[in-house]
Amino acid sequence: MSTFFLEVITPERNFYSGEAECVIFKSIDGEMGVLAKHAPTVTTVNVGPLRIKNAEGKWTEAVVTDGFAKIMPDRVVIMTDTAEYPEEIDINRARAAKQRAEERLQKQLSQLEYMRSKTALARAMARIKATSK
């Protein structure tokens, strides 16, 4: 199968850099899969799982938060706020964050606070789901 060069970059580190056969992530329109020779596109990346099939055919899963992806026929660059492998996630911290976000959503919030709480809840849920596999 054809490959392309994939980079996943966060402000803290170069999370992934190498050849890939496929990458799958959540975008504003739902899950998006990218293969080599994809039409040039720029799209959002939403909180959720990131699945990478490397050049040897092995799948790797991670969790990413909001960002964007620049897709070209031979290269994909995903820039996101955070990216974590399941083994890097502190499950107790993720559960506590989920509980705090749910409690905040029960209160009357401004629109900005509501959106922040929804984002925090989505991030916590993605982390918990990634560690449960």
Protein backbone atom coordinates (compact mmCIF):
# COMPACT_ATOMS: atom_id res chain seq x y z
CA MET A 1 0.00 0.00 0.00
CA SER A 2 1.18 3.56 -0.70
CA THR A 3 2.43 5.67 2.19
CA PHE A 4 2.71 9.35 3.02
CA PHE A 5 4.72 11.30 5.57
CA LEU A 6 2.71 12.05 8.74
CA GLU A 7 3.56 14.59 11.41
CA VAL A 8 1.51 15.13 14.56
CA ILE A 9 2.71 18.25 16.35
CA THR A 10 1.72 19.79 19.68
CA PRO A 11 3.12 22.91 21.32
CA GLU A 12 5.14 20.68 23.69
CA ARG A 13 6.52 18.07 21.30
CA ASN A 14 6.68 16.44 17.93
CA PHE A 15 4.28 13.62 18.86
CA TYR A 16 4.62 11.49 15.72
CA SER A 17 6.81 11.75 12.66
CA GLY A 18 7.10 9.01 10.06
CA GLU A 19 5.66 7.15 7.12
CA ALA A 20 2.03 6.04 7.41
CA GLU A 21 -0.46 4.13 5.29
CA CYS A 22 -3.52 5.69 6.94
CA VAL A 23 -4.53 8.17 9.63
CA ILE A 24 -8.03 8.49 11.09
CA PHE A 25 -9.25 11.33 13.30
CA LYS A 26 -12.43 13.21 14.23
CA SER A 27 -13.17 16.35 12.24
CA ILE A 28 -16.09 18.75 12.27
CA ASP A 29 -17.94 16.50 9.79
CA GLY A 30 -17.27 13.26 11.69
CA GLU A 31 -14.51 10.71 11.41
CA MET A 32 -12.03 11.32 8.60
CA GLY A 33 -9.64 8.79 7.12
CA VAL A 34 -6.68 9.83 5.01
CA LEU A 35 -4.69 7.64 2.62
CA ALA A 36 -1.78 8.49 0.33
CA LYS A 37 -2.59 10.70 -2.65
CA HIS A 38 -5.51 12.36 -0.84
CA ALA A 39 -6.75 15.59 -2.38
CA PRO A 40 -5.26 18.70 -0.76
CA THR A 41 -7.44 19.77 2.16
CA VAL A 42 -7.34 21.74 5.37
CA THR A 43 -9.79 20.66 8.07
CA THR A 44 -10.36 20.86 11.79
CA VAL A 45 -9.35 18.16 14.22
CA ASN A 46 -11.77 17.59 17.09
CA VAL A 47 -11.25 15.95 20.48
CA GLY A 48 -11.13 12.19 20.13
CA PRO A 49 -9.13 9.20 19.02
CA LEU A 50 -6.29 9.40 16.52
CA ARG A 51 -5.49 6.13 14.77
CA ILE A 52 -2.32 5.73 12.74
CA LYS A 53 -1.44 2.76 10.52
CA ASN A 54 2.33 2.91 10.04
CA ALA A 55 4.25 1.77 6.96
CA GLU A 56 4.57 -1.76 8.42
CA GLY A 57 0.79 -2.07 8.78
CA LYS A 58 0.71 -1.73 12.60
CA TRP A 59 -2.03 0.42 14.15
CA THR A 60 -1.28 2.90 16.93
CA GLU A 61 -3.96 4.76 18.85
CA ALA A 62 -3.76 8.05 20.70
CA VAL A 63 -6.04 10.83 21.94
CA VAL A 64 -5.88 14.35 20.54
CA THR A 65 -7.63 17.61 21.33
CA ASP A 66 -8.69 20.43 19.05
CA GLY A 67 -6.48 21.51 16.19
CA PHE A 68 -6.29 21.31 12.43
CA ALA A 69 -4.91 19.08 9.70
CA LYS A 70 -3.21 20.07 6.47
CA ILE A 71 -3.57 17.20 4.03
CA MET A 72 -1.51 16.94 0.84
CA PRO A 73 -1.07 13.96 -1.52
CA ASP A 74 2.28 12.94 0.00
CA ARG A 75 2.21 14.57 3.45
CA VAL A 76 -0.20 15.18 6.35
CA VAL A 77 0.49 17.60 9.18
CA ILE A 78 -1.79 17.52 12.20
CA MET A 79 -1.34 20.36 14.68
CA THR A 80 -3.24 19.90 17.91
CA ASP A 81 -3.22 21.30 21.44
CA THR A 82 -2.39 17.93 23.00
CA ALA A 83 -1.72 14.36 21.88
CA GLU A 84 -1.32 11.43 24.27
CA TYR A 85 -0.80 7.70 24.00
CA PRO A 86 -3.11 5.68 26.30
CA GLU A 87 -0.20 4.72 28.58
CA GLU A 88 0.56 8.43 29.15
CA ILE A 89 -2.93 9.19 30.49
CA ASP A 90 -3.51 9.45 34.25
CA ILE A 91 -6.91 7.73 34.50
CA ASN A 92 -7.67 9.09 37.98
CA ARG A 93 -7.00 12.63 36.81
CA ALA A 94 -9.21 12.06 33.75
CA ARG A 95 -12.07 10.76 35.92
CA ALA A 96 -11.76 13.75 38.27
CA ALA A 97 -11.81 16.13 35.28
CA LYS A 98 -14.92 14.39 33.94
CA GLN A 99 -16.69 14.78 37.28
CA ARG A 100 -15.74 18.48 37.54
CA ALA A 101 -16.96 19.16 34.00
CA GLU A 102 -20.27 17.36 34.63
CA GLU A 103 -20.79 19.36 37.83
CA ARG A 104 -20.10 22.64 36.05
CA LEU A 105 -22.58 21.72 33.31
CA GLN A 106 -25.32 21.34 35.96
CA LYS A 107 -24.96 25.02 36.90
CA GLN A 108 -26.17 28.07 35.05
CA LEU A 109 -23.19 29.10 33.01
CA SER A 110 -22.36 31.80 30.53
CA GLN A 111 -22.10 30.60 26.96
CA LEU A 112 -18.29 30.70 27.16
CA GLU A 113 -18.21 28.71 30.41
CA TYR A 114 -20.67 26.20 28.96
CA MET A 115 -18.48 25.64 25.86
CA ARG A 116 -15.35 25.28 27.99
CA SER A 117 -17.10 22.74 30.21
CA LYS A 118 -18.33 20.76 27.19
CA THR A 119 -14.79 20.72 25.78
CA ALA A 120 -13.34 19.62 29.13
CA LEU A 121 -15.93 16.83 29.35
CA ALA A 122 -15.18 15.64 25.79
CA ARG A 123 -11.44 15.63 26.52
CA ALA A 124 -11.91 13.66 29.75
CA MET A 125 -14.23 11.14 28.07
CA ALA A 126 -11.78 10.59 25.19
CA ARG A 127 -8.96 9.97 27.66
CA ILE A 128 -11.02 7.53 29.72
CA LYS A 129 -12.14 5.65 26.59
CA ALA A 130 -8.55 5.39 25.30
CA THR A 131 -7.32 3.83 28.54
CA SER A 132 -10.18 1.31 28.72
CA LYS A 133 -9.03 -0.59 25.59
